């Protein structure tokens, strides 16, 4: 991102963008199935990094299914 500060998503924003429930996001975080970092006590996500993670996982897995909770 040139010249602008990158915006990181919270759990709710990520859930909306991915079309999953917020409990799915919490489950993925608890299982370390999604890249995230802590900002204080809150989880934050780089959307592009999350997409790249799942794309890479899809290429390596059988059928490309992502486990939902």
C-alpha atoms as a PDB file:
ATOM      1  CA  UNK A   1       0.000   0.000   0.000  1.00  0.00           C
ATOM      2  CA  UNK A   2       1.873   3.094  -1.133  1.00  0.00           C
ATOM      3  CA  UNK A   3       1.565   6.321   0.827  1.00  0.00           C
ATOM      4  CA  UNK A   4      -1.276   5.115   3.049  1.00  0.00           C
ATOM      5  CA  UNK A   5      -1.347   3.324   6.352  1.00  0.00           C
ATOM      6  CA  UNK A   6      -2.588  -0.250   6.143  1.00  0.00           C
ATOM      7  CA  UNK A   7      -5.913  -0.915   7.886  1.00  0.00           C
ATOM      8  CA  UNK A   8      -6.165  -4.112   9.857  1.00  0.00           C
ATOM      9  CA  UNK A   9      -9.508  -5.811  10.374  1.00  0.00           C
ATOM     10  CA  UNK A  10     -11.091  -6.870  13.640  1.00  0.00           C
ATOM     11  CA  UNK A  11     -12.804 -10.259  14.004  1.00  0.00           C
ATOM     12  CA  UNK A  12     -16.246  -8.980  13.019  1.00  0.00           C
ATOM     13  CA  UNK A  13     -14.958  -7.206   9.900  1.00  0.00           C
ATOM     14  CA  UNK A  14     -13.042 -10.312   8.823  1.00  0.00           C
ATOM     15  CA  UNK A  15     -16.099 -12.517   9.355  1.00  0.00           C
ATOM     16  CA  UNK A  16     -18.185 -10.208   7.156  1.00  0.00           C
ATOM     17  CA  UNK A  17     -15.599 -10.151   4.364  1.00  0.00           C
ATOM     18  CA  UNK A  18     -15.157 -13.927   4.390  1.00  0.00           C
ATOM     19  CA  UNK A  19     -18.851 -14.684   4.743  1.00  0.00           C
ATOM     20  CA  UNK A  20     -18.462 -16.757   7.898  1.00  0.00           C
ATOM     21  CA  UNK A  21     -19.740 -16.331  11.441  1.00  0.00           C
ATOM     22  CA  UNK A  22     -17.717 -14.513  14.052  1.00  0.00           C
ATOM     23  CA  UNK A  23     -17.619 -17.743  16.073  1.00  0.00           C
ATOM     24  CA  UNK A  24     -15.827 -19.345  13.112  1.00  0.00           C
ATOM     25  CA  UNK A  25     -13.195 -16.608  13.276  1.00  0.00           C
ATOM     26  CA  UNK A  26     -12.783 -17.160  17.035  1.00  0.00           C
ATOM     27  CA  UNK A  27     -12.482 -20.906  16.460  1.00  0.00           C
ATOM     28  CA  UNK A  28      -9.863 -20.453  13.723  1.00  0.00           C
ATOM     29  CA  UNK A  29      -7.869 -18.133  16.005  1.00  0.00           C
ATOM     30  CA  UNK A  30      -8.041 -20.625  18.889  1.00  0.00           C
ATOM     31  CA  UNK A  31      -6.750 -23.358  16.570  1.00  0.00           C
ATOM     32  CA  UNK A  32      -4.135 -21.112  14.888  1.00  0.00           C
ATOM     33  CA  UNK A  33      -5.805 -21.733  11.511  1.00  0.00           C
ATOM     34  CA  UNK A  34      -5.760 -18.080  10.463  1.00  0.00           C
ATOM     35  CA  UNK A  35      -2.895 -15.542  10.626  1.00  0.00           C
ATOM     36  CA  UNK A  36      -3.513 -12.788  13.182  1.00  0.00           C
ATOM     37  CA  UNK A  37      -1.722 -10.612  15.677  1.00  0.00           C
ATOM     38  CA  UNK A  38      -2.663  -9.012  18.972  1.00  0.00           C
ATOM     39  CA  UNK A  39      -3.184  -5.282  19.287  1.00  0.00           C
ATOM     40  CA  UNK A  40      -3.550  -4.878  23.020  1.00  0.00           C
ATOM     41  CA  UNK A  41      -6.073  -7.548  23.956  1.00  0.00           C
ATOM     42  CA  UNK A  42      -7.757  -7.542  20.540  1.00  0.00           C
ATOM     43  CA  UNK A  43      -7.067  -9.737  17.517  1.00  0.00           C
ATOM     44  CA  UNK A  44      -6.299  -7.988  14.249  1.00  0.00           C
ATOM     45  CA  UNK A  45      -6.069  -9.431  10.762  1.00  0.00           C
ATOM     46  CA  UNK A  46      -4.334  -8.408   7.549  1.00  0.00           C
ATOM     47  CA  UNK A  47      -7.023  -9.315   5.001  1.00  0.00           C
ATOM     48  CA  UNK A  48      -4.536  -9.845   2.165  1.00  0.00           C
ATOM     49  CA  UNK A  49      -2.430 -12.111   4.381  1.00  0.00           C
ATOM     50  CA  UNK A  50      -5.506 -14.127   5.391  1.00  0.00           C
ATOM     51  CA  UNK A  51      -6.526 -14.567   1.740  1.00  0.00           C
ATOM     52  CA  UNK A  52      -2.996 -15.627   0.792  1.00  0.00           C
ATOM     53  CA  UNK A  53      -2.945 -18.092   3.701  1.00  0.00           C
ATOM     54  CA  UNK A  54      -6.187 -19.760   2.603  1.00  0.00           C
ATOM     55  CA  UNK A  55      -5.163 -19.719  -1.064  1.00  0.00           C
ATOM     56  CA  UNK A  56      -1.904 -21.472  -0.157  1.00  0.00           C
ATOM     57  CA  UNK A  57      -3.775 -23.919   2.082  1.00  0.00           C
ATOM     58  CA  UNK A  58      -6.264 -24.635  -0.714  1.00  0.00           C
ATOM     59  CA  UNK A  59      -3.452 -25.422  -3.142  1.00  0.00           C
ATOM     60  CA  UNK A  60      -1.950 -27.919  -0.673  1.00  0.00           C
ATOM     61  CA  UNK A  61      -5.118 -29.595   0.572  1.00  0.00           C
ATOM     62  CA  UNK A  62      -7.473 -32.109  -0.956  1.00  0.00           C
ATOM     63  CA  UNK A  63     -10.473 -30.365  -2.420  1.00  0.00           C
ATOM     64  CA  UNK A  64      -9.590 -26.994  -0.904  1.00  0.00           C
ATOM     65  CA  UNK A  65     -12.183 -27.142   1.861  1.00  0.00           C
ATOM     66  CA  UNK A  66     -11.821 -24.732   4.745  1.00  0.00           C
ATOM     67  CA  UNK A  67     -13.134 -26.085   8.019  1.00  0.00           C
ATOM     68  CA  UNK A  68     -15.982 -24.031   9.460  1.00  0.00           C
ATOM     69  CA  UNK A  69     -17.151 -24.164  13.038  1.00  0.00           C
END
